[in-house]
């Protein structure tokens, strides 16, 4: 019985640790996307006649 509890606790720690790592990685991805988005406003080409839109869609 104690072995089952130990395995469940270790499994829970592994799941929560993995979720924490995934959230940490997602914060870095969100930061990179934000930087690219802001840089897009600085390097926007206004020659297409659609204003300051830097994306194609």
PDB file of N, CA and C in Angstrom:
ATOM      1  N   UNK A   1       0.823  -1.208   0.000  1.00  0.00           N
ATOM      2  CA  UNK A   1       0.000   0.000   0.000  1.00  0.00           C
ATOM      3  C   UNK A   1       0.857   1.258   0.000  1.00  0.00           C
ATOM      4  N   UNK A   2       1.925   1.260   0.798  1.00  0.00           N
ATOM      5  CA  UNK A   2       2.786   2.440   0.835  1.00  0.00           C
ATOM      6  C   UNK A   2       3.544   2.606  -0.482  1.00  0.00           C
ATOM      7  N   UNK A   3       3.818   1.493  -1.149  1.00  0.00           N
ATOM      8  CA  UNK A   3       4.493   1.576  -2.443  1.00  0.00           C
ATOM      9  C   UNK A   3       3.582   2.238  -3.481  1.00  0.00           C
ATOM     10  N   UNK A   4       2.307   1.943  -3.436  1.00  0.00           N
ATOM     11  CA  UNK A   4       1.350   2.555  -4.355  1.00  0.00           C
ATOM     12  C   UNK A   4       1.248   4.058  -4.110  1.00  0.00           C
ATOM     13  N   UNK A   5       1.221   4.466  -2.857  1.00  0.00           N
ATOM     14  CA  UNK A   5       1.169   5.887  -2.519  1.00  0.00           C
ATOM     15  C   UNK A   5       2.443   6.582  -2.988  1.00  0.00           C
ATOM     16  N   UNK A   6       3.584   5.940  -2.806  1.00  0.00           N
ATOM     17  CA  UNK A   6       4.855   6.511  -3.242  1.00  0.00           C
ATOM     18  C   UNK A   6       4.879   6.677  -4.767  1.00  0.00           C
ATOM     19  N   UNK A   7       4.406   5.680  -5.484  1.00  0.00           N
ATOM     20  CA  UNK A   7       4.355   5.765  -6.944  1.00  0.00           C
ATOM     21  C   UNK A   7       3.399   6.870  -7.382  1.00  0.00           C
ATOM     22  N   UNK A   8       2.257   7.001  -6.731  1.00  0.00           N
ATOM     23  CA  UNK A   8       1.306   8.059  -7.080  1.00  0.00           C
ATOM     24  C   UNK A   8       1.878   9.451  -6.805  1.00  0.00           C
ATOM     25  N   UNK A   9       2.576   9.599  -5.695  1.00  0.00           N
ATOM     26  CA  UNK A   9       3.193  10.888  -5.370  1.00  0.00           C
ATOM     27  C   UNK A   9       4.285  11.222  -6.385  1.00  0.00           C
ATOM     28  N   UNK A  10       5.100  10.237  -6.757  1.00  0.00           N
ATOM     29  CA  UNK A  10       6.145  10.482  -7.742  1.00  0.00           C
ATOM     30  C   UNK A  10       5.552  10.793  -9.116  1.00  0.00           C
ATOM     31  N   UNK A  11       4.462  10.119  -9.470  1.00  0.00           N
ATOM     32  CA  UNK A  11       3.795  10.394 -10.735  1.00  0.00           C
ATOM     33  C   UNK A  11       3.203  11.795 -10.746  1.00  0.00           C
ATOM     34  N   UNK A  12       2.599  12.205  -9.652  1.00  0.00           N
ATOM     35  CA  UNK A  12       2.057  13.552  -9.541  1.00  0.00           C
ATOM     36  C   UNK A  12       3.169  14.592  -9.634  1.00  0.00           C
ATOM     37  N   UNK A  13       4.294  14.339  -8.985  1.00  0.00           N
ATOM     38  CA  UNK A  13       5.421  15.270  -9.050  1.00  0.00           C
ATOM     39  C   UNK A  13       5.964  15.358 -10.469  1.00  0.00           C
ATOM     40  N   UNK A  14       6.003  14.244 -11.173  1.00  0.00           N
ATOM     41  CA  UNK A  14       6.479  14.242 -12.554  1.00  0.00           C
ATOM     42  C   UNK A  14       5.535  15.025 -13.461  1.00  0.00           C
ATOM     43  N   UNK A  15       4.227  14.847 -13.276  1.00  0.00           N
ATOM     44  CA  UNK A  15       3.241  15.566 -14.095  1.00  0.00           C
ATOM     45  C   UNK A  15       3.312  17.063 -13.820  1.00  0.00           C
ATOM     46  N   UNK A  16       3.353  17.437 -12.550  1.00  0.00           N
ATOM     47  CA  UNK A  16       3.403  18.864 -12.217  1.00  0.00           C
ATOM     48  C   UNK A  16       4.724  19.495 -12.647  1.00  0.00           C
ATOM     49  N   UNK A  17       5.815  18.742 -12.535  1.00  0.00           N
ATOM     50  CA  UNK A  17       7.108  19.249 -12.995  1.00  0.00           C
ATOM     51  C   UNK A  17       7.120  19.450 -14.497  1.00  0.00           C
ATOM     52  N   UNK A  18       6.536  18.499 -15.226  1.00  0.00           N
ATOM     53  CA  UNK A  18       6.452  18.632 -16.679  1.00  0.00           C
ATOM     54  C   UNK A  18       5.570  19.793 -17.092  1.00  0.00           C
ATOM     55  N   UNK A  19       4.469  19.996 -16.383  1.00  0.00           N
ATOM     56  CA  UNK A  19       3.583  21.116 -16.685  1.00  0.00           C
ATOM     57  C   UNK A  19       4.289  22.440 -16.389  1.00  0.00           C
ATOM     58  N   UNK A  20       5.035  22.485 -15.317  1.00  0.00           N
ATOM     59  CA  UNK A  20       5.783  23.701 -14.992  1.00  0.00           C
ATOM     60  C   UNK A  20       6.831  24.015 -16.042  1.00  0.00           C
ATOM     61  N   UNK A  21       7.516  22.974 -16.518  1.00  0.00           N
ATOM     62  CA  UNK A  21       8.519  23.170 -17.566  1.00  0.00           C
ATOM     63  C   UNK A  21       7.856  23.650 -18.854  1.00  0.00           C
ATOM     64  N   UNK A  22       6.703  23.061 -19.193  1.00  0.00           N
ATOM     65  CA  UNK A  22       5.998  23.461 -20.406  1.00  0.00           C
ATOM     66  C   UNK A  22       5.539  24.912 -20.300  1.00  0.00           C
ATOM     67  N   UNK A  23       5.045  25.322 -19.141  1.00  0.00           N
ATOM     68  CA  UNK A  23       4.612  26.703 -18.960  1.00  0.00           C
ATOM     69  C   UNK A  23       5.802  27.657 -19.070  1.00  0.00           C
ATOM     70  N   UNK A  24       6.952  27.243 -18.552  1.00  0.00           N
ATOM     71  CA  UNK A  24       8.151  28.069 -18.639  1.00  0.00           C
ATOM     72  C   UNK A  24       8.562  28.247 -20.099  1.00  0.00           C
ATOM     73  N   UNK A  25       8.530  27.169 -20.853  1.00  0.00           N
ATOM     74  CA  UNK A  25       8.883  27.245 -22.273  1.00  0.00           C
ATOM     75  C   UNK A  25       7.877  28.111 -23.026  1.00  0.00           C
ATOM     76  N   UNK A  26       6.582  27.983 -22.687  1.00  0.00           N
ATOM     77  CA  UNK A  26       5.569  28.786 -23.368  1.00  0.00           C
ATOM     78  C   UNK A  26       5.736  30.275 -23.080  1.00  0.00           C
ATOM     79  N   UNK A  27       6.198  30.634 -21.879  1.00  0.00           N
ATOM     80  CA  UNK A  27       6.462  32.043 -21.593  1.00  0.00           C
ATOM     81  C   UNK A  27       7.566  32.576 -22.491  1.00  0.00           C
ATOM     82  N   UNK A  28       8.629  31.778 -22.712  1.00  0.00           N
ATOM     83  CA  UNK A  28       9.726  32.210 -23.588  1.00  0.00           C
ATOM     84  C   UNK A  28       9.263  32.311 -25.031  1.00  0.00           C
ATOM     85  N   UNK A  29       8.412  31.381 -25.472  1.00  0.00           N
ATOM     86  CA  UNK A  29       7.864  31.437 -26.836  1.00  0.00           C
ATOM     87  C   UNK A  29       7.008  32.690 -26.991  1.00  0.00           C
ATOM     88  N   UNK A  30       6.173  32.979 -25.997  1.00  0.00           N
ATOM     89  CA  UNK A  30       5.328  34.184 -26.055  1.00  0.00           C
ATOM     90  C   UNK A  30       6.183  35.450 -26.093  1.00  0.00           C
ATOM     91  N   UNK A  31       7.265  35.466 -25.345  1.00  0.00           N
ATOM     92  CA  UNK A  31       8.155  36.626 -25.358  1.00  0.00           C
ATOM     93  C   UNK A  31       8.816  36.797 -26.725  1.00  0.00           C
ATOM     94  N   UNK A  32       9.239  35.690 -27.341  1.00  0.00           N
ATOM     95  CA  UNK A  32       9.851  35.763 -28.667  1.00  0.00           C
ATOM     96  C   UNK A  32       8.844  36.255 -29.708  1.00  0.00           C
ATOM     97  N   UNK A  33       7.604  35.774 -29.633  1.00  0.00           N
ATOM     98  CA  UNK A  33       6.571  36.223 -30.571  1.00  0.00           C
ATOM     99  C   UNK A  33       6.288  37.708 -30.374  1.00  0.00           C
ATOM    100  N   UNK A  34       6.268  38.162 -29.141  1.00  0.00           N
ATOM    101  CA  UNK A  34       6.046  39.580 -28.867  1.00  0.00           C
ATOM    102  C   UNK A  34       7.167  40.430 -29.456  1.00  0.00           C
ATOM    103  N   UNK A  35       8.409  39.995 -29.327  1.00  0.00           N
ATOM    104  CA  UNK A  35       9.539  40.740 -29.882  1.00  0.00           C
ATOM    105  C   UNK A  35       9.441  40.799 -31.405  1.00  0.00           C
ATOM    106  N   UNK A  36       9.109  39.670 -32.040  1.00  0.00           N
ATOM    107  CA  UNK A  36       8.959  39.658 -33.499  1.00  0.00           C
ATOM    108  C   UNK A  36       7.810  40.564 -33.928  1.00  0.00           C
ATOM    109  N   UNK A  37       6.729  40.562 -33.171  1.00  0.00           N
ATOM    110  CA  UNK A  37       5.577  41.402 -33.494  1.00  0.00           C
ATOM    111  C   UNK A  37       5.934  42.882 -33.398  1.00  0.00           C
ATOM    112  N   UNK A  38       6.661  43.254 -32.346  1.00  0.00           N
ATOM    113  CA  UNK A  38       7.069  44.654 -32.177  1.00  0.00           C
ATOM    114  C   UNK A  38       8.065  45.056 -33.255  1.00  0.00           C
ATOM    115  N   UNK A  39       9.018  44.171 -33.584  1.00  0.00           N
ATOM    116  CA  UNK A  39       9.968  44.475 -34.646  1.00  0.00           C
ATOM    117  C   UNK A  39       9.264  44.622 -35.992  1.00  0.00           C
ATOM    118  N   UNK A  40       8.165  43.921 -36.175  1.00  0.00           N
ATOM    119  CA  UNK A  40       7.409  44.036 -37.410  1.00  0.00           C
ATOM    120  C   UNK A  40       6.854  45.430 -37.619  1.00  0.00           C
ATOM    121  N   UNK A  41       6.523  46.121 -36.552  1.00  0.00           N
ATOM    122  CA  UNK A  41       6.043  47.490 -36.686  1.00  0.00           C
ATOM    123  C   UNK A  41       7.169  48.439 -37.081  1.00  0.00           C
ATOM    124  N   UNK A  42       8.394  48.153 -36.603  1.00  0.00           N
ATOM    125  CA  UNK A  42       9.518  49.017 -36.939  1.00  0.00           C
ATOM    126  C   UNK A  42      10.005  48.809 -38.364  1.00  0.00           C
ATOM    127  N   UNK A  43       9.949  47.575 -38.846  1.00  0.00           N
ATOM    128  CA  UNK A  43      10.449  47.259 -40.180  1.00  0.00           C
ATOM    129  C   UNK A  43       9.318  47.058 -41.183  1.00  0.00           C
ATOM    130  N   UNK A  44       8.178  47.655 -40.918  1.00  0.00           N
ATOM    131  CA  UNK A  44       7.027  47.492 -41.813  1.00  0.00           C
ATOM    132  C   UNK A  44       7.268  48.238 -43.118  1.00  0.00           C
ATOM    133  N   UNK A  45       6.848  47.621 -44.206  1.00  0.00           N
ATOM    134  CA  UNK A  45       6.971  48.293 -45.497  1.00  0.00           C
ATOM    135  C   UNK A  45       5.614  48.906 -45.850  1.00  0.00           C
ATOM    136  N   UNK A  46       5.570  50.189 -46.075  1.00  0.00           N
ATOM    137  CA  UNK A  46       4.320  50.857 -46.382  1.00  0.00           C
ATOM    138  C   UNK A  46       4.079  51.010 -47.870  1.00  0.00           C
ATOM    139  N   UNK A  47       4.826  50.315 -48.717  1.00  0.00           N
ATOM    140  CA  UNK A  47       4.710  50.476 -50.150  1.00  0.00           C
ATOM    141  C   UNK A  47       3.548  49.730 -50.782  1.00  0.00           C
ATOM    142  N   UNK A  48       2.853  48.881 -50.046  1.00  0.00           N
ATOM    143  CA  UNK A  48       1.792  48.090 -50.659  1.00  0.00           C
ATOM    144  C   UNK A  48       0.458  48.841 -50.708  1.00  0.00           C
ATOM    145  N   UNK A  49       0.353  49.962 -50.052  1.00  0.00           N
ATOM    146  CA  UNK A  49      -0.872  50.740 -50.083  1.00  0.00           C
ATOM    147  C   UNK A  49      -1.909  50.289 -49.070  1.00  0.00           C
ATOM    148  N   UNK A  50      -1.573  49.374 -48.198  1.00  0.00           N
ATOM    149  CA  UNK A  50      -2.507  48.874 -47.186  1.00  0.00           C
ATOM    150  C   UNK A  50      -2.152  49.393 -45.796  1.00  0.00           C
ATOM    151  N   UNK A  51      -1.477  50.478 -45.698  1.00  0.00           N
ATOM    152  CA  UNK A  51      -1.113  51.002 -44.390  1.00  0.00           C
ATOM    153  C   UNK A  51       0.179  50.372 -43.903  1.00  0.00           C
ATOM    154  N   UNK A  52       0.264  50.178 -42.622  1.00  0.00           N
ATOM    155  CA  UNK A  52       1.484  49.643 -42.031  1.00  0.00           C
ATOM    156  C   UNK A  52       1.370  48.156 -41.727  1.00  0.00           C
ATOM    157  N   UNK A  53       0.695  47.410 -42.577  1.00  0.00           N
ATOM    158  CA  UNK A  53       0.548  45.979 -42.365  1.00  0.00           C
ATOM    159  C   UNK A  53       1.788  45.253 -42.872  1.00  0.00           C
ATOM    160  N   UNK A  54       2.456  44.477 -42.022  1.00  0.00           N
ATOM    161  CA  UNK A  54       3.701  43.813 -42.419  1.00  0.00           C
ATOM    162  C   UNK A  54       3.495  42.331 -42.692  1.00  0.00           C
ATOM    163  N   UNK A  55       2.300  41.832 -42.447  1.00  0.00           N
ATOM    164  CA  UNK A  55       2.034  40.424 -42.732  1.00  0.00           C
ATOM    165  C   UNK A  55       1.277  40.313 -44.041  1.00  0.00           C
ATOM    166  N   UNK A  56       1.202  39.134 -44.632  1.00  0.00           N
ATOM    167  CA  UNK A  56       0.663  38.971 -45.977  1.00  0.00           C
ATOM    168  C   UNK A  56      -0.824  38.637 -45.974  1.00  0.00           C
ATOM    169  N   UNK A  57      -1.410  38.188 -44.883  1.00  0.00           N
ATOM    170  CA  UNK A  57      -2.810  37.781 -44.907  1.00  0.00           C
ATOM    171  C   UNK A  57      -3.654  38.826 -44.332  1.00  0.00           C
TER     172      UNK A  57
END
